[in-house]
Protein backbone atom coordinates (compact mmCIF):
# COMPACT_ATOMS: atom_id res chain seq x y z
CA MET A 1 0.00 0.00 0.00
CA LEU A 2 1.78 3.07 -1.25
CA HIS A 3 0.10 6.44 -0.87
CA GLY A 4 1.59 9.19 -2.97
CA GLY A 5 2.26 9.34 -6.67
CA GLY A 6 5.22 9.92 -8.87
CA GLY A 7 7.98 7.53 -9.84
CA LEU A 8 10.78 7.31 -12.35
CA ASP A 9 10.29 6.54 -15.99
CA PRO A 10 10.63 2.74 -16.11
CA GLN A 11 12.57 3.04 -19.37
CA PHE A 12 15.53 4.54 -17.51
CA PRO A 13 17.67 2.57 -15.07
CA ARG A 14 19.53 4.33 -12.31
CA ASN A 15 22.66 4.08 -10.27
CA TYR A 16 23.51 5.66 -6.95
CA ALA A 17 26.13 8.31 -6.24
CA GLY A 18 26.09 9.66 -2.72
CA GLY A 19 22.62 8.24 -2.27
CA ARG A 20 21.15 10.32 -5.14
CA THR A 21 19.31 8.89 -8.16
CA VAL A 22 20.61 9.73 -11.64
CA LEU A 23 19.32 8.70 -15.05
CA ARG A 24 21.57 6.81 -17.42
CA ALA A 25 19.92 7.65 -20.74
CA ARG A 26 22.86 6.84 -22.97
CA GLN A 27 23.48 3.48 -21.40
CA GLU A 28 19.80 2.63 -21.71
CA GLN A 29 19.86 3.46 -25.42
CA ASP A 30 22.88 1.20 -25.89
CA ALA A 31 21.17 -1.52 -23.86
CA ALA A 32 18.05 -1.27 -26.00
CA MET A 33 20.16 -1.70 -29.14
CA MET A 34 21.81 -4.77 -27.70
CA ARG A 35 18.52 -6.33 -26.65
CA THR A 36 17.35 -5.99 -30.24
CA ARG A 37 20.48 -7.77 -31.42
CA PHE A 38 19.97 -10.47 -28.80
CA LEU A 39 16.47 -11.13 -30.06
CA LEU A 40 17.68 -11.30 -33.65
CA LEU A 41 20.60 -13.58 -32.86
CA GLY A 42 18.71 -15.80 -30.40
CA LEU A 43 21.44 -15.41 -27.81
CA PHE A 44 19.31 -15.17 -24.66
CA LEU A 45 20.49 -17.51 -21.98
CA PRO A 46 18.70 -20.68 -20.83
CA PHE A 47 16.76 -20.72 -17.61
CA SER A 48 19.64 -21.47 -15.22
CA CYS A 49 23.17 -20.16 -15.67
CA GLU A 50 24.67 -22.48 -13.09
CA SER A 51 26.94 -25.27 -14.21
CA ALA A 52 26.24 -28.89 -13.35
CA VAL A 53 29.17 -28.80 -10.95
CA ALA A 54 27.84 -25.77 -9.08
CA ASN A 55 24.38 -27.34 -8.84
CA THR A 56 25.80 -30.56 -7.49
CA GLU A 57 27.83 -28.70 -4.88
CA HIS A 58 24.79 -27.22 -3.18
CA GLY A 59 22.67 -30.35 -3.33
CA ALA A 60 20.64 -29.83 -6.50
CA PRO A 61 20.86 -32.11 -9.55
CA PRO A 62 21.78 -30.56 -12.89
CA SER A 63 18.87 -28.86 -14.67
CA GLY A 64 17.00 -31.05 -17.10
CA GLY A 65 13.85 -31.16 -19.17
CA GLY A 66 15.02 -29.41 -22.33
CA GLU A 67 14.75 -25.88 -23.66
CA ALA A 68 10.93 -25.94 -23.82
CA VAL A 69 10.66 -26.64 -20.10
CA ARG A 70 13.24 -24.01 -19.22
CA GLU A 71 11.54 -21.42 -21.42
CA ASP A 72 8.17 -22.21 -19.85
CA ARG A 73 9.60 -21.55 -16.38
CA LEU A 74 11.29 -18.40 -17.63
CA VAL A 75 8.00 -17.09 -19.03
CA ARG A 76 6.32 -17.90 -15.74
CA GLY A 77 9.10 -16.11 -13.87
CA ALA A 78 8.71 -13.05 -16.09
CA ARG A 79 4.97 -12.96 -15.44
CA LEU A 80 5.39 -13.28 -11.66
CA TYR A 81 8.17 -10.69 -11.64
CA ASP A 82 6.02 -8.21 -13.57
CA ALA A 83 3.11 -8.73 -11.17
CA HIS A 84 4.96 -8.60 -7.86
CA CYS A 85 8.53 -7.31 -8.25
CA ALA A 86 8.69 -4.74 -11.04
CA VAL A 87 6.86 -2.11 -8.97
CA CYS A 88 10.03 -1.77 -6.85
CA HIS A 89 12.85 -3.36 -8.88
CA GLY A 90 11.77 -2.01 -12.27
CA LYS A 91 10.79 -3.76 -15.49
CA ARG A 92 14.39 -4.62 -16.33
CA GLY A 93 15.60 -5.06 -12.76
CA ALA A 94 17.46 -1.74 -12.49
CA GLY A 95 15.85 -0.82 -9.14
CA ASP A 96 13.79 1.94 -10.79
CA GLY A 97 10.20 0.77 -10.42
CA PRO A 98 7.41 3.30 -9.82
CA ALA A 99 7.54 2.63 -6.07
CA SER A 100 11.34 2.99 -5.83
CA PRO A 101 11.41 6.71 -4.88
CA PHE A 102 9.47 5.85 -1.72
CA LEU A 103 11.83 3.12 -0.48
CA PHE A 104 14.80 3.20 1.84
CA PRO A 105 16.86 1.04 1.75
CA GLU A 106 16.57 1.21 -2.04
CA ALA A 107 15.33 -1.70 -4.12
CA ARG A 108 18.18 -3.86 -5.37
CA ASP A 109 19.49 -3.11 -8.85
CA PHE A 110 19.82 -6.61 -10.32
CA THR A 111 21.55 -5.33 -13.46
CA GLN A 112 24.66 -4.66 -11.35
CA ALA A 113 24.79 -8.39 -10.44
CA ARG A 114 25.88 -7.55 -6.88
CA PHE A 115 23.83 -9.75 -4.60
CA ARG A 116 24.20 -9.30 -0.86
CA LEU A 117 23.18 -12.70 0.54
CA VAL A 118 25.52 -15.33 -0.87
CA SER A 119 27.07 -18.58 0.30
CA THR A 120 29.89 -18.87 -2.23
CA ALA A 121 33.56 -18.04 -2.27
CA ASN A 122 33.27 -15.80 -5.36
CA GLY A 123 30.26 -13.81 -4.15
CA VAL A 124 27.92 -15.07 -6.88
CA PRO A 125 24.70 -16.48 -5.42
CA THR A 126 23.50 -20.00 -6.04
CA ASP A 127 19.88 -20.54 -6.99
CA ASP A 128 19.33 -21.63 -3.38
CA ASP A 129 20.75 -18.31 -2.13
CA ILE A 130 18.32 -16.31 -4.25
CA GLU A 131 15.44 -18.56 -3.23
CA ARG A 132 16.24 -18.14 0.46
CA THR A 133 16.16 -14.35 0.04
CA ILE A 134 12.85 -14.46 -1.79
CA ARG A 135 11.24 -16.77 0.74
CA ARG A 136 12.47 -14.91 3.86
CA GLY A 137 12.57 -11.38 2.52
CA VAL A 138 14.87 -8.78 4.07
CA PRO A 139 13.60 -7.55 7.47
CA GLY A 140 14.15 -3.85 7.97
CA SER A 141 13.41 -3.11 4.32
CA ALA A 142 10.41 -3.18 1.99
CA MET A 143 11.45 -6.62 0.67
CA PRO A 144 8.79 -8.98 2.07
CA ALA A 145 8.86 -12.72 2.63
CA TRP A 146 7.38 -14.89 -0.13
CA HIS A 147 7.18 -18.14 1.81
CA TRP A 148 3.55 -18.52 0.73
CA MET A 149 4.54 -18.91 -2.93
CA GLY A 150 4.74 -22.38 -4.47
CA GLU A 151 8.05 -24.10 -5.18
CA ASP A 152 7.78 -23.92 -8.99
CA ASP A 153 6.86 -20.24 -8.87
CA VAL A 154 9.77 -19.35 -6.62
CA ARG A 155 12.27 -21.26 -8.75
CA SER A 156 10.86 -19.56 -11.84
CA LEU A 157 11.42 -16.18 -10.18
CA VAL A 158 14.97 -17.21 -9.25
CA GLY A 159 15.74 -17.97 -12.87
CA PHE A 160 14.27 -14.71 -14.11
CA VAL A 161 16.20 -12.64 -11.54
CA ARG A 162 19.42 -14.37 -12.60
CA ARG A 163 18.50 -13.65 -16.21
CA LEU A 164 18.06 -9.92 -15.43
CA ALA A 165 21.46 -9.85 -13.72
CA THR A 166 23.15 -11.55 -16.66
CA GLU A 167 21.50 -9.20 -19.14
CA GLY A 168 22.55 -6.20 -17.06
CA VAL A 169 26.20 -7.27 -17.07
CA ALA A 170 26.04 -8.02 -20.80
CA ASP A 171 24.49 -4.61 -21.46
CA ALA A 172 27.38 -2.88 -19.71
CA LEU A 173 29.99 -4.95 -21.55
CA PHE A 174 28.34 -4.25 -24.88
CA ALA A 175 28.31 -0.52 -24.08
CA GLU A 176 32.06 -0.78 -23.44
CA GLY A 177 32.67 -2.09 -26.95
CA GLN A 178 32.35 -5.85 -26.82
CA THR A 179 30.34 -7.69 -29.44
CA ALA A 180 26.99 -9.16 -28.43
CA GLU A 181 28.45 -12.67 -28.45
CA GLU A 182 31.44 -11.65 -26.34
CA ALA A 183 29.25 -9.73 -23.88
CA VAL A 184 26.89 -12.68 -23.39
CA ALA A 185 29.74 -15.14 -22.95
CA GLU A 186 31.55 -13.03 -20.36
CA ALA A 187 28.35 -12.14 -18.49
CA SER A 188 27.41 -15.81 -18.35
CA ALA A 189 30.81 -16.71 -16.96
CA ARG A 190 30.63 -14.00 -14.29
CA LEU A 191 27.26 -15.27 -13.04
CA VAL A 192 28.43 -18.84 -12.39
CA PRO A 193 28.56 -19.46 -8.60
CA GLY A 194 31.80 -20.58 -7.04
CA PRO A 195 32.25 -23.31 -4.43
CA VAL A 196 29.82 -23.15 -1.52
CA LEU A 197 31.49 -22.06 1.73
CA PRO A 198 31.58 -24.46 4.70
CA ARG A 199 28.45 -24.89 6.78
CA VAL A 200 28.58 -24.37 10.53
CA GLY A 201 26.44 -27.39 11.30
CA ALA A 202 24.89 -28.35 14.62
CA PHE A 203 26.67 -27.59 17.89
CA GLU A 204 25.99 -27.38 21.59
CA LEU A 205 25.69 -23.85 22.95
CA THR A 206 28.05 -23.87 25.95
CA ARG A 207 29.32 -21.05 28.15
CA GLU A 208 32.90 -21.69 27.02
CA LEU A 209 31.95 -21.48 23.35
CA VAL A 210 30.02 -18.25 23.87
CA GLU A 211 32.90 -16.68 25.78
CA GLN A 212 35.33 -17.62 23.01
CA GLY A 213 32.95 -16.11 20.47
CA SER A 214 32.59 -12.96 22.57
CA ALA A 215 36.34 -12.36 22.41
CA LEU A 216 36.31 -12.87 18.64
CA TYR A 217 33.36 -10.51 18.29
CA ARG A 218 35.10 -7.72 20.20
CA SER A 219 38.22 -8.03 18.05
CA ARG A 220 36.56 -8.58 14.65
CA CYS A 221 33.05 -7.06 14.73
CA ALA A 222 32.57 -4.52 17.54
CA SER A 223 34.14 -1.62 15.66
CA CYS A 224 31.08 -1.52 13.39
CA HIS A 225 28.34 -3.39 15.25
CA GLY A 226 29.23 -1.96 18.66
CA VAL A 227 30.40 -3.69 21.80
CA ASP A 228 26.75 -4.06 22.81
CA GLY A 229 25.70 -5.33 19.37
CA ALA A 230 23.36 -2.40 18.78
CA GLY A 231 25.24 -1.15 15.72
CA ARG A 232 27.13 2.08 15.12
CA ARG A 233 24.81 5.03 14.54
CA GLU A 234 26.97 6.56 11.81
CA PRO A 235 26.09 5.10 8.40
CA ALA A 236 28.52 3.75 5.86
CA PHE A 237 28.26 4.03 2.08
CA ASP A 238 27.81 0.98 -0.10
CA GLU A 239 29.72 0.76 -3.36
CA ASP A 240 26.67 2.08 -5.24
CA GLY A 241 26.67 5.22 -3.08
CA SER A 242 23.63 4.32 -0.96
CA LEU A 243 23.58 4.60 2.82
CA ASN A 244 23.75 1.53 5.02
CA TRP A 245 23.93 1.02 8.77
CA PRO A 246 25.63 -1.83 10.60
CA ARG A 247 22.95 -4.23 11.78
CA ASP A 248 21.55 -4.02 15.30
CA PHE A 249 21.81 -7.60 16.52
CA THR A 250 19.91 -6.84 19.71
CA ALA A 251 16.85 -5.77 17.65
CA GLY A 252 17.09 -8.79 15.37
CA TYR A 253 17.09 -7.01 12.01
CA LEU A 254 19.07 -9.61 10.09
CA LYS A 255 19.15 -9.68 6.31
CA GLY A 256 19.93 -13.36 6.10
CA GLY A 257 18.42 -14.95 9.19
CA ARG A 258 19.47 -16.22 12.60
CA GLY A 259 20.27 -19.80 11.59
CA ALA A 260 23.78 -21.08 12.22
CA ASP A 261 24.54 -21.65 8.53
CA ALA A 262 23.09 -18.26 7.55
CA LEU A 263 25.24 -16.45 10.12
CA GLY A 264 28.27 -18.51 9.11
CA TRP A 265 27.90 -17.55 5.47
CA ARG A 266 27.47 -13.85 6.35
CA ILE A 267 30.69 -14.01 8.37
CA GLN A 268 32.67 -15.81 5.69
CA ALA A 269 31.28 -14.17 2.55
CA GLY A 270 30.37 -10.78 3.99
CA LEU A 271 27.75 -8.75 2.11
CA PRO A 272 29.22 -8.05 -1.35
CA GLY A 273 29.01 -4.40 -2.29
CA THR A 274 28.88 -3.17 1.31
CA ALA A 275 31.35 -2.36 4.06
CA MET A 276 30.69 -5.84 5.50
CA ALA A 277 33.68 -7.80 4.24
CA GLY A 278 34.16 -11.54 4.55
CA THR A 279 36.24 -12.90 7.43
CA SER A 280 38.57 -15.88 7.33
CA LEU A 281 38.21 -18.08 10.43
CA ASP A 282 39.01 -21.68 11.15
CA GLU A 283 36.20 -24.12 11.90
CA GLY A 284 36.38 -23.68 15.67
CA GLU A 285 36.50 -19.88 15.55
CA LEU A 286 33.61 -19.71 13.11
CA ARG A 287 31.48 -21.92 15.34
CA ALA A 288 32.35 -19.88 18.42
CA LEU A 289 31.48 -16.56 16.76
CA VAL A 290 28.19 -17.95 15.47
CA ALA A 291 27.42 -19.29 18.95
CA TYR A 292 27.97 -15.83 20.47
CA LEU A 293 25.80 -14.11 17.86
CA ARG A 294 22.97 -16.60 18.36
CA HIS A 295 23.26 -15.98 22.10
CA GLU A 296 22.88 -12.20 21.57
CA ILE A 297 20.25 -12.16 18.82
CA PRO A 298 16.64 -12.47 20.08
CA ALA A 299 15.27 -15.96 19.57
CA ASP A 300 11.92 -14.70 18.26
CA VAL A 301 13.34 -12.80 15.27
CA GLU A 302 11.67 -14.98 12.65
CA THR A 303 8.30 -14.64 14.39
CA ASN A 304 8.41 -10.89 15.00
CA LEU A 305 10.15 -9.47 11.93
CA VAL A 306 9.60 -11.87 9.01
CA HIS A 307 6.40 -11.43 7.01
CA ARG A 308 3.91 -14.27 7.12
CA GLN A 309 0.57 -14.67 5.43
CA GLU A 310 -1.98 -15.26 8.20
CA ARG A 311 -5.62 -16.34 8.20
CA ILE A 312 -7.91 -13.83 9.93
CA LEU A 313 -11.27 -15.36 10.81
CA ALA A 314 -14.26 -13.02 11.01
CA ALA A 315 -16.45 -14.94 13.44
CA ARG A 316 -20.23 -14.60 13.09
CA VAL A 317 -21.86 -12.97 16.12
CA ASP A 318 -25.31 -11.66 17.01
CA ALA A 319 -24.09 -8.05 16.89
CA VAL A 320 -20.64 -6.72 16.00
CA PRO A 321 -18.83 -5.00 18.89
CA GLU A 322 -18.38 -1.26 18.41
CA SER A 323 -16.01 -0.34 21.22
CA PRO A 324 -12.27 -0.90 20.61
CA GLY A 325 -11.99 -1.99 24.24
CA ASP A 326 -14.66 -4.69 24.06
CA PRO A 327 -13.07 -7.82 25.62
CA SER A 328 -14.61 -10.08 22.98
CA TRP A 329 -12.09 -8.82 20.43
CA GLY A 330 -9.30 -10.76 22.09
CA ALA A 331 -10.90 -14.15 21.47
CA PHE A 332 -9.77 -14.30 17.82
CA GLU A 333 -6.83 -11.96 17.39
CA THR A 334 -4.21 -12.55 14.70
CA PRO A 335 -0.68 -11.08 14.85
CA VAL A 336 0.47 -9.46 11.61
CA VAL A 337 4.08 -8.49 10.86
CA LEU A 338 4.75 -5.12 9.18
CA ALA A 339 7.91 -3.61 7.74
CA PRO A 340 8.92 0.05 7.36
CA LEU A 341 9.11 1.30 3.78
CA TYR A 342 11.36 4.23 4.56
CA HIS A 343 13.26 4.96 7.74
CA SER A 344 16.55 6.66 8.43
CA ARG A 345 17.52 4.02 10.95
CA LEU A 346 16.01 0.66 11.81
CA GLY A 347 13.92 0.35 14.93
CA ASN A 348 11.56 3.34 14.71
CA GLY A 349 8.78 1.84 12.62
CA ILE A 350 5.70 -0.17 13.54
CA THR A 351 6.60 -3.83 13.03
CA ARG A 352 3.63 -5.63 14.53
CA ALA A 353 -0.15 -5.24 14.70
CA TYR A 354 -3.01 -7.43 15.88
CA VAL A 355 -6.16 -7.87 13.81
CA SER A 356 -9.60 -9.16 14.85
CA ALA A 357 -12.77 -9.35 12.78
CA ARG A 358 -16.47 -9.99 13.41
CA HIS A 359 -19.65 -9.89 11.35
CA ASP A 360 -23.36 -10.33 12.02
CA GLY A 361 -24.51 -10.88 8.45
CA GLU A 362 -25.24 -7.19 7.89
CA LEU A 363 -22.19 -5.40 9.28
CA VAL A 364 -18.53 -6.37 9.30
CA ALA A 365 -16.11 -4.91 11.87
CA VAL A 366 -12.31 -5.16 11.86
CA ARG A 367 -10.21 -4.04 14.80
CA VAL A 368 -6.52 -3.17 14.32
CA ARG A 369 -4.37 -2.78 17.44
CA TRP A 370 -0.72 -1.73 17.67
CA ALA A 371 1.74 -0.35 20.21
CA ASP A 372 2.40 3.39 20.14
CA GLU A 373 3.99 5.08 23.13
CA SER A 374 2.92 8.63 22.26
CA GLY A 375 -0.60 8.51 20.87
CA ASP A 376 -0.62 12.29 20.98
CA LEU A 377 -2.64 14.49 18.66
CA ARG A 378 -0.40 17.32 17.55
CA ILE A 379 -1.84 19.92 15.22
CA TYR A 380 1.62 21.04 14.20
CA SER A 381 4.57 18.65 13.96
CA ASP A 382 8.10 18.97 12.65
CA LEU A 383 8.31 15.19 12.43
CA GLY A 384 5.39 13.89 10.41
CA ASP A 385 1.67 13.47 10.03
CA PRO A 386 -0.64 12.24 12.80
CA ASP A 387 -0.78 8.54 13.58
CA ALA A 388 -2.87 6.69 11.02
CA CYS A 389 -3.98 3.27 9.86
CA ALA A 390 -5.33 1.95 6.57
CA LEU A 391 -6.84 -1.32 5.39
CA GLN A 392 -6.57 -2.38 1.77
CA LEU A 393 -9.05 -4.99 0.50
CA THR A 394 -9.61 -6.95 -2.68
CA VAL A 395 -11.51 -10.04 -3.78
CA ASP A 396 -8.55 -11.14 -5.94
CA GLU A 397 -7.10 -14.43 -4.72
CA ASN A 398 -3.57 -13.56 -5.88
CA PRO A 399 -3.34 -9.76 -5.88
CA ARG A 400 -0.16 -7.91 -6.74
CA LEU A 401 2.03 -7.92 -3.68
CA PHE A 402 2.57 -4.14 -3.68
CA GLY A 403 1.34 -1.21 -5.67
CA MET A 404 -2.26 -0.71 -4.61
CA GLY A 405 -3.76 -2.82 -7.37
CA SER A 406 -3.76 -2.00 -11.07
CA ALA A 407 -6.00 -0.50 -13.70
CA THR A 408 -7.66 -3.89 -14.24
CA HIS A 409 -7.57 -5.07 -10.62
CA ARG A 410 -8.58 -2.17 -8.40
CA THR A 411 -8.44 -2.34 -4.62
CA SER A 412 -10.41 -0.60 -1.89
CA ILE A 413 -8.67 1.37 0.87
CA TRP A 414 -10.10 2.50 4.21
CA HIS A 415 -7.84 5.26 5.54
CA TRP A 416 -8.16 6.60 9.10
CA LYS A 417 -6.10 9.45 10.58
CA ALA A 418 -6.00 10.27 14.27
CA LEU A 419 -6.34 13.95 13.44
CA ARG A 420 -7.71 15.71 10.38
CA LEU A 421 -7.07 19.44 10.12
CA SER A 422 -10.40 20.01 8.42
CA GLU A 423 -12.09 18.92 11.65
CA VAL A 424 -10.19 21.39 13.82
CA ALA A 425 -10.26 24.37 11.44
CA GLY A 426 -12.19 26.47 13.96
CA ALA A 427 -9.53 25.91 16.59
CA LEU A 428 -6.78 26.80 14.14
CA ASP A 429 -8.43 30.16 13.50
CA LEU A 430 -7.70 31.11 17.10
CA LEU A 431 -3.98 31.02 16.40
CA ASP A 432 -4.13 33.81 13.84
CA SER A 433 -6.51 36.40 15.25
CA VAL A 434 -7.76 37.99 18.43
CA PRO A 435 -11.42 37.22 19.08
CA HIS A 436 -13.95 40.03 19.72
CA ALA A 437 -11.63 42.71 18.30
CA ARG A 438 -13.39 45.69 16.67
CA ALA A 439 -10.78 45.86 13.92
CA GLU A 440 -8.46 43.41 12.26
CA THR A 441 -5.66 42.46 14.65
CA PHE A 442 -2.41 40.76 13.74
CA ARG A 443 -0.11 38.69 15.84
CA GLY A 444 2.65 40.77 17.46
CA ARG A 445 0.67 44.05 17.28
CA VAL A 446 -0.58 45.29 20.67
CA ARG A 447 -3.91 47.09 21.08
CA THR A 448 -5.16 48.71 24.23
CA ASP A 449 -8.86 48.82 23.43
CA VAL A 450 -9.44 45.04 23.61
CA PRO A 451 -8.65 42.44 26.25
CA VAL A 452 -5.44 40.44 25.85
CA TYR A 453 -6.18 36.89 24.74
CA ARG A 454 -3.73 34.01 24.79
CA PRO A 455 -4.77 31.25 22.38
CA SER A 456 -5.20 27.98 24.25
CA LEU A 457 -6.22 24.85 22.42
CA SER A 458 -7.72 22.00 24.39
CA VAL A 459 -6.74 18.47 23.42
CA PRO A 460 -8.45 17.88 20.08
CA GLU A 461 -10.85 15.03 19.62
CA VAL A 462 -9.64 11.86 17.94
CA SER A 463 -11.05 11.73 14.43
CA GLU A 464 -13.64 9.09 13.55
CA THR A 465 -13.53 9.87 9.84
CA VAL A 466 -12.53 7.17 7.37
CA GLU A 467 -11.56 8.11 3.85
CA SER A 468 -12.81 5.45 1.43
CA LEU A 469 -10.61 5.23 -1.66
CA ARG A 470 -10.29 3.20 -4.83
CA ALA A 471 -6.72 2.43 -5.95
CA SER A 472 -5.57 1.44 -9.43
CA GLY A 473 -1.78 1.61 -8.98
CA VAL A 474 0.98 3.43 -7.14
CA GLY A 475 -0.31 6.92 -6.38
CA GLU A 476 -3.45 6.28 -8.41
CA THR A 477 -6.27 6.79 -5.92
CA GLU A 478 -9.66 8.43 -6.10
CA PRO A 479 -12.58 8.81 -3.70
CA GLN A 480 -14.77 5.74 -3.75
CA GLY A 481 -17.69 6.86 -1.63
CA GLY A 482 -19.46 4.47 0.66
CA ALA A 483 -19.82 4.59 4.40
CA VAL A 484 -17.06 3.25 6.63
CA ASP A 485 -17.06 4.17 10.30
CA ALA A 486 -14.14 4.23 12.72
CA ARG A 487 -14.10 3.91 16.50
CA PRO A 488 -10.54 4.73 17.66
CA SER A 489 -9.03 4.63 21.13
CA TRP A 490 -5.58 5.19 22.58
CA SER A 491 -4.71 3.96 26.06
CA ASP A 492 -1.90 2.20 27.90
CA GLY A 493 0.56 2.82 25.08
CA GLN A 494 -1.44 1.41 22.19
CA TRP A 495 -3.93 2.37 19.51
CA ALA A 496 -7.02 0.32 18.72
CA VAL A 497 -9.22 1.25 15.77
CA VAL A 498 -12.46 -0.51 14.81
CA PHE A 499 -13.48 -0.17 11.15
CA THR A 500 -17.16 -0.94 10.49
CA ARG A 501 -18.97 -1.22 7.16
CA SER A 502 -22.08 -2.76 5.70
CA CYS A 503 -21.46 -6.21 4.23
CA ASP A 504 -23.24 -5.09 1.06
CA PRO A 505 -21.44 -2.46 -1.01
CA THR A 506 -22.84 1.06 -0.59
CA ALA A 507 -20.93 2.61 -3.51
CA GLU A 508 -19.92 1.55 -7.00
CA GLY A 509 -16.73 -0.49 -7.04
CA GLU A 510 -16.70 -1.28 -3.32
CA VAL A 511 -15.65 -4.75 -2.26
CA ALA A 512 -18.55 -7.02 -1.31
CA ILE A 513 -17.96 -8.56 2.12
CA VAL A 514 -20.53 -11.32 2.52
CA PRO A 515 -20.76 -14.33 4.86
CA GLY A 516 -18.57 -17.15 3.57
CA ALA A 517 -16.44 -14.78 1.51
CA ARG A 518 -12.65 -14.95 1.36
CA LEU A 519 -10.80 -11.68 0.77
CA SER A 520 -7.24 -10.41 0.72
CA VAL A 521 -6.47 -7.64 3.19
CA ALA A 522 -3.28 -5.67 3.90
CA LEU A 523 -2.33 -3.11 6.57
CA ALA A 524 -0.51 0.20 6.54
CA ILE A 525 0.33 2.09 9.75
CA TRP A 526 1.88 5.55 10.15
CA ASN A 527 3.79 6.49 13.30
CA GLY A 528 3.64 10.28 13.49
CA ARG A 529 6.25 10.53 16.24
CA ALA A 530 8.74 8.64 14.02
CA GLY A 531 8.18 11.07 11.14
CA ASP A 532 5.91 8.89 9.01
CA HIS A 533 3.93 10.67 6.31
CA GLY A 534 2.64 9.85 2.84
CA ALA A 535 4.44 6.78 1.51
CA ARG A 536 6.72 6.67 4.55
CA LYS A 537 5.02 4.08 6.74
CA SER A 538 4.98 0.41 7.73
CA ILE A 539 3.09 -2.15 5.67
CA SER A 540 2.13 -5.82 5.74
CA ILE A 541 1.85 -8.33 2.93
CA TRP A 542 -1.60 -9.61 1.95
CA GLN A 543 -3.43 -11.54 4.64
CA VAL A 544 -6.45 -13.80 4.16
CA LEU A 545 -9.74 -12.57 5.68
CA GLU A 546 -12.42 -15.27 5.89
CA LEU A 547 -16.00 -14.54 6.97
CA GLU A 548 -17.67 -17.34 8.84
CA PRO A 549 -20.86 -18.43 6.99
C-alpha cells in the first residue's frame, strides 16, 4: 500500500552516487540496441546459468527437461516478476520501479549483479541463495517474505532474476565495446557461482563457546556493530553510493536470518558491495562466533520481523462489537508483521499489529491494534503526520504484492487518521486572530482597546472519519464513496481502531464482504512521532480474511 504518486520513468535505469538517483539515458539506449540484437541472434540464456558442478555442490541435480521446459519456467518467472517485483525493482531489474522513490533502503538493482546474501567463495549467489532471500525477505526493508509462494513459482522467479542480472552485465559490456556474443559469454561466466562455503552445522551452545565467540566478536566485529551489538549510529556508504547502517543484533534485524549456517555464510562471505567484508576463520573460531551471535540475537526474530501470510477469521456474532476496548475482540486476534518502507535508521517503525474481525450478516467490523507510546494528537509537527492506519481490501485471490492494485484489478482502501485538520479548522483560526476585536488584529501588534487573549487549544478530539478510496496503482487513488465508520481509542501505550462497514457495497466499485467470503487484506500504519507521512510508513503483505458463513 503506497500512498503518494510519482515515480521514475521505467525506461531509464539508475545508479547511486552519494545516495542520489541519476538517469543513465545513454546506457539505456545502448542496452536497447543490444537487446534488439539479442532477439535477432537468439542469444538469450537458458533458464539457469549455473553449471552442473555448481548445482551438485549445493545439493541440486543438474537442470534437465530441455529448452521448452526451461523457457516455460522463464516465461512464468517473467509474469510473476512483472506482477509482484517490477513495482520496486523495475521492469528490467534496475531498481527503478514506480515505487522505488518511496523506499529506503533502495530496491536492489539486479543489473549490477551484486547480490548481498551469498554462500559462495566468489560472491555469486546459487539458486538456493536467491530462493532463500525471496522466501524470507529482508527484514528492515520493503522486501517482504514470499514463503507462501509455491516451489515452482519461486524457482521460476529465481531464474528470471538471474536472467536480469546476466542481461545487465552483458548490457554494460556491450556498451564498453564488446560484441553481443562476447558480452553474453563473459556475463554468463561472471554469473556462475563458485564453491559453496563451509556450513557451521549443529553444535551445543556452551558457556565456554560463547565466551570464546565474545572475544572474537570484540576483536573482529565490535568496531562496526558496537560492543553491545546495537550497531554504530553513523552510516557507511555501499559501493553504489547508498547509505547503510551496521545491523543491530539486539533488535534482530538480520538480512539473512538467525540460523547457524546463515550467520556462518554472512561471516565468511560478507555482504558483497557493502562495508561488510568476509572474514577468514578456522572451523572452531567460526562456530564460536556464530554461537555468540545466536546468544545475543533475540530468539523470536523470525516470528516478530519476518512477514507471514496469516488467516484472519471473522467470526459470526449476534451483533458486532463497536467499542475498541470490548473484551470479545481478544478471542480471535491474529498477529500481523509489518515492515517500514522508509526509515533513516532501523527500529523506529511499527513492526507488529493485531487484527480481529467480526460480522453479524449485515455489518462487518475489523479491529486493528498496535503499540504506540505517544498517541498524541499534535496539530503542528516537525516530524510527520498524525498517527494513522489503513486497510486495503480486494476479492482477488492472488493480488499484486505491492502497488495498490492495477487498472484492471482495483483495490479498496479505508484510511483513518487520528487527526484531520479540516475537523479542527475552527480551533486553528484562534492562532491567527484575536477574538472580539473591533478591527483586524495581527499577531505581534498590541492594542489597548481590547482584552489580551492568549490562544489555548484544548486536546483535540480523535477523528472518527474514514476516507474510502479506490486504488488502481501506485499513487493512483480516487474517492470511492461508501460509508465506513471508525471507532478509535488510545490507552496504555497502544492504539485500537475498529473499522465498520455494511457487508453489502454502498458505492460503486466497493468490495462485497458477505458471509462465507474470502478476501485479501493488507495493513498500513503511520507512526507520526517517528516522522511517518505519505508513503513513509509500515506495511504488511496480503493476509487472508475469511468470513464465517
